C-alpha atoms as a PDB file:
ATOM      1  CA  MET A   1    -103.453 101.469   5.142  1.00  0.00           C
ATOM      2  CA  GLU A   2    -103.064 103.198   1.790  1.00  0.00           C
ATOM      3  CA  LYS A   3    -101.630 101.207  -1.082  1.00  0.00           C
ATOM      4  CA  PRO A   4     -98.155 102.280  -2.246  1.00  0.00           C
ATOM      5  CA  LEU A   5     -97.490 103.994  -5.545  1.00  0.00           C
ATOM      6  CA  VAL A   6     -94.707 102.703  -7.780  1.00  0.00           C
ATOM      7  CA  ASN A   7     -92.697 105.372  -9.649  1.00  0.00           C
ATOM      8  CA  ILE A   8     -90.519 104.573 -12.636  1.00  0.00           C
ATOM      9  CA  THR A   9     -88.241 107.443 -13.623  1.00  0.00           C
ATOM     10  CA  TYR A  10     -86.695 106.983 -17.048  1.00  0.00           C
ATOM     11  CA  CYS A  11     -84.631 108.845 -19.634  1.00  0.00           C
ATOM     12  CA  PRO A  12     -86.822 109.732 -22.640  1.00  0.00           C
ATOM     13  CA  LYS A  13     -83.745 110.877 -24.613  1.00  0.00           C
ATOM     14  CA  CYS A  14     -82.342 107.357 -24.251  1.00  0.00           C
ATOM     15  CA  GLY A  15     -85.508 105.814 -25.696  1.00  0.00           C
ATOM     16  CA  TRP A  16     -86.517 104.030 -22.502  1.00  0.00           C
ATOM     17  CA  MET A  17     -90.211 104.990 -22.469  1.00  0.00           C
ATOM     18  CA  LEU A  18     -91.394 101.688 -24.018  1.00  0.00           C
ATOM     19  CA  ARG A  19     -89.288  99.676 -21.565  1.00  0.00           C
ATOM     20  CA  SER A  20     -90.817 101.672 -18.715  1.00  0.00           C
ATOM     21  CA  ALA A  21     -94.354 101.214 -20.054  1.00  0.00           C
ATOM     22  CA  TYR A  22     -93.818  97.451 -20.389  1.00  0.00           C
ATOM     23  CA  MET A  23     -92.575  97.242 -16.799  1.00  0.00           C
ATOM     24  CA  ALA A  24     -95.532  99.333 -15.596  1.00  0.00           C
ATOM     25  CA  GLN A  25     -97.948  96.958 -17.346  1.00  0.00           C
ATOM     26  CA  GLU A  26     -96.308  93.926 -15.743  1.00  0.00           C
ATOM     27  CA  ILE A  27     -96.373  95.557 -12.295  1.00  0.00           C
ATOM     28  CA  LEU A  28    -100.048  96.525 -12.602  1.00  0.00           C
ATOM     29  CA  THR A  29    -100.994  93.040 -13.792  1.00  0.00           C
ATOM     30  CA  THR A  30     -99.076  91.263 -11.028  1.00  0.00           C
ATOM     31  CA  PHE A  31     -99.909  93.603  -8.143  1.00  0.00           C
ATOM     32  CA  VAL A  32    -103.500  94.537  -8.987  1.00  0.00           C
ATOM     33  CA  ASP A  33    -104.556  94.367  -5.312  1.00  0.00           C
ATOM     34  CA  GLU A  34    -101.312  95.603  -3.742  1.00  0.00           C
ATOM     35  CA  VAL A  35    -100.400  98.881  -5.473  1.00  0.00           C
ATOM     36  CA  LYS A  36    -102.306 102.102  -6.014  1.00  0.00           C
ATOM     37  CA  GLY A  37    -100.751 102.573  -9.447  1.00  0.00           C
ATOM     38  CA  VAL A  38     -97.585 103.081 -11.452  1.00  0.00           C
ATOM     39  CA  THR A  39     -96.371 106.511 -12.494  1.00  0.00           C
ATOM     40  CA  LEU A  40     -93.942 106.981 -15.388  1.00  0.00           C
ATOM     41  CA  ILE A  41     -91.753 110.022 -14.842  1.00  0.00           C
ATOM     42  CA  PRO A  42     -89.548 111.313 -17.677  1.00  0.00           C
ATOM     43  CA  SER A  43     -86.188 112.463 -16.314  1.00  0.00           C
ATOM     44  CA  GLU A  44     -84.471 115.716 -17.203  1.00  0.00           C
ATOM     45  CA  THR A  45     -81.152 113.949 -16.606  1.00  0.00           C
ATOM     46  CA  SER A  46     -79.787 111.558 -19.235  1.00  0.00           C
ATOM     47  CA  GLY A  47     -79.271 107.901 -18.348  1.00  0.00           C
ATOM     48  CA  VAL A  48     -81.707 107.760 -15.435  1.00  0.00           C
ATOM     49  CA  PHE A  49     -83.756 104.645 -14.797  1.00  0.00           C
ATOM     50  CA  THR A  50     -84.960 104.210 -11.221  1.00  0.00           C
ATOM     51  CA  VAL A  51     -87.855 102.435  -9.550  1.00  0.00           C
ATOM     52  CA  HIS A  52     -89.343 103.584  -6.244  1.00  0.00           C
ATOM     53  CA  VAL A  53     -92.063 102.026  -4.126  1.00  0.00           C
ATOM     54  CA  SER A  54     -93.518 105.003  -2.290  1.00  0.00           C
ATOM     55  CA  ALA A  55     -90.364 106.912  -1.307  1.00  0.00           C
ATOM     56  CA  LYS A  56     -88.061 103.863  -1.145  1.00  0.00           C
ATOM     57  CA  LEU A  57     -85.593 103.350  -3.991  1.00  0.00           C
ATOM     58  CA  ILE A  58     -85.624  99.678  -4.966  1.00  0.00           C
ATOM     59  CA  PHE A  59     -83.679  99.795  -8.242  1.00  0.00           C
ATOM     60  CA  ASP A  60     -81.187 102.220  -9.810  1.00  0.00           C
ATOM     61  CA  ARG A  61     -79.747 101.399 -13.230  1.00  0.00           C
ATOM     62  CA  LYS A  62     -76.615 103.492 -12.643  1.00  0.00           C
ATOM     63  CA  LYS A  63     -75.788 101.755  -9.349  1.00  0.00           C
ATOM     64  CA  MET A  64     -76.490  98.278 -10.740  1.00  0.00           C
ATOM     65  CA  GLN A  65     -74.980  99.082 -14.179  1.00  0.00           C
ATOM     66  CA  ARG A  66     -77.878  97.301 -15.872  1.00  0.00           C
ATOM     67  CA  PHE A  67     -81.639  97.232 -16.200  1.00  0.00           C
ATOM     68  CA  PRO A  68     -83.690  94.976 -13.933  1.00  0.00           C
ATOM     69  CA  GLU A  69     -85.072  91.743 -15.270  1.00  0.00           C
ATOM     70  CA  ILE A  70     -88.870  91.813 -14.934  1.00  0.00           C
ATOM     71  CA  LYS A  71     -88.731  88.763 -12.629  1.00  0.00           C
ATOM     72  CA  GLU A  72     -86.247  90.567 -10.372  1.00  0.00           C
ATOM     73  CA  LEU A  73     -88.297  93.765 -10.367  1.00  0.00           C
ATOM     74  CA  LYS A  74     -91.451  91.882  -9.396  1.00  0.00           C
ATOM     75  CA  GLN A  75     -89.598  90.208  -6.524  1.00  0.00           C
ATOM     76  CA  LEU A  76     -88.258  93.562  -5.283  1.00  0.00           C
ATOM     77  CA  ILE A  77     -91.719  95.129  -5.399  1.00  0.00           C
ATOM     78  CA  ARG A  78     -93.323  92.079  -3.789  1.00  0.00           C
ATOM     79  CA  ASP A  79     -90.838  92.293  -0.909  1.00  0.00           C
ATOM     80  CA  GLU A  80     -92.070  95.843  -0.241  1.00  0.00           C
ATOM     81  CA  VAL A  81     -95.821  95.564  -0.817  1.00  0.00           C
ATOM     82  CA  ASN A  82     -96.706  91.979   0.184  1.00  0.00           C
ATOM     83  CA  PRO A  83     -93.797  89.727   1.249  1.00  0.00           C
ATOM     84  CA  ALA A  84     -96.131  86.736   1.603  1.00  0.00           C
ATOM     85  CA  LYS A  85     -97.351  86.926  -2.013  1.00  0.00           C
ATOM     86  CA  HIS A  86     -96.279  84.014  -4.193  1.00  0.00           C
ATOM     87  CA  LEU A  87     -95.287  85.110  -7.696  1.00  0.00           C
ATOM     88  CA  GLY A  88     -95.726  81.756  -9.393  1.00  0.00           C
ATOM     89  CA  HIS A  89     -93.055  81.123 -12.032  1.00  0.00           C
ATOM     90  CA  SER A  90     -91.335  84.405 -11.095  1.00  0.00           C
ATOM     91  CA  ASP A  91     -90.412  82.852  -7.744  1.00  0.00           C
ATOM     92  CA  VAL A  92     -88.771  79.770  -9.257  1.00  0.00           C
ATOM     93  CA  LYS A  93     -84.985  79.984  -9.391  1.00  0.00           C
END
């Protein structure tokens, strides 16, 4: 089975490229064996910040009215790519 690709679509006009790059780094570090890679996609539409695993939308800033916490984002991705994976301190409530 092919590993999924994570896509982060962000608004470059809003200055969200560094936030996106940080999240990509965290995802690649945590899911080194589970994901094929992370793609950063600059949006033509202002205010966009979404995260997809393959074709499935797992986070939308407009719907949630906030950005994801990195712990939350890792849990959402884990639930899609390897539900049995323990995330260490990111799993502690």
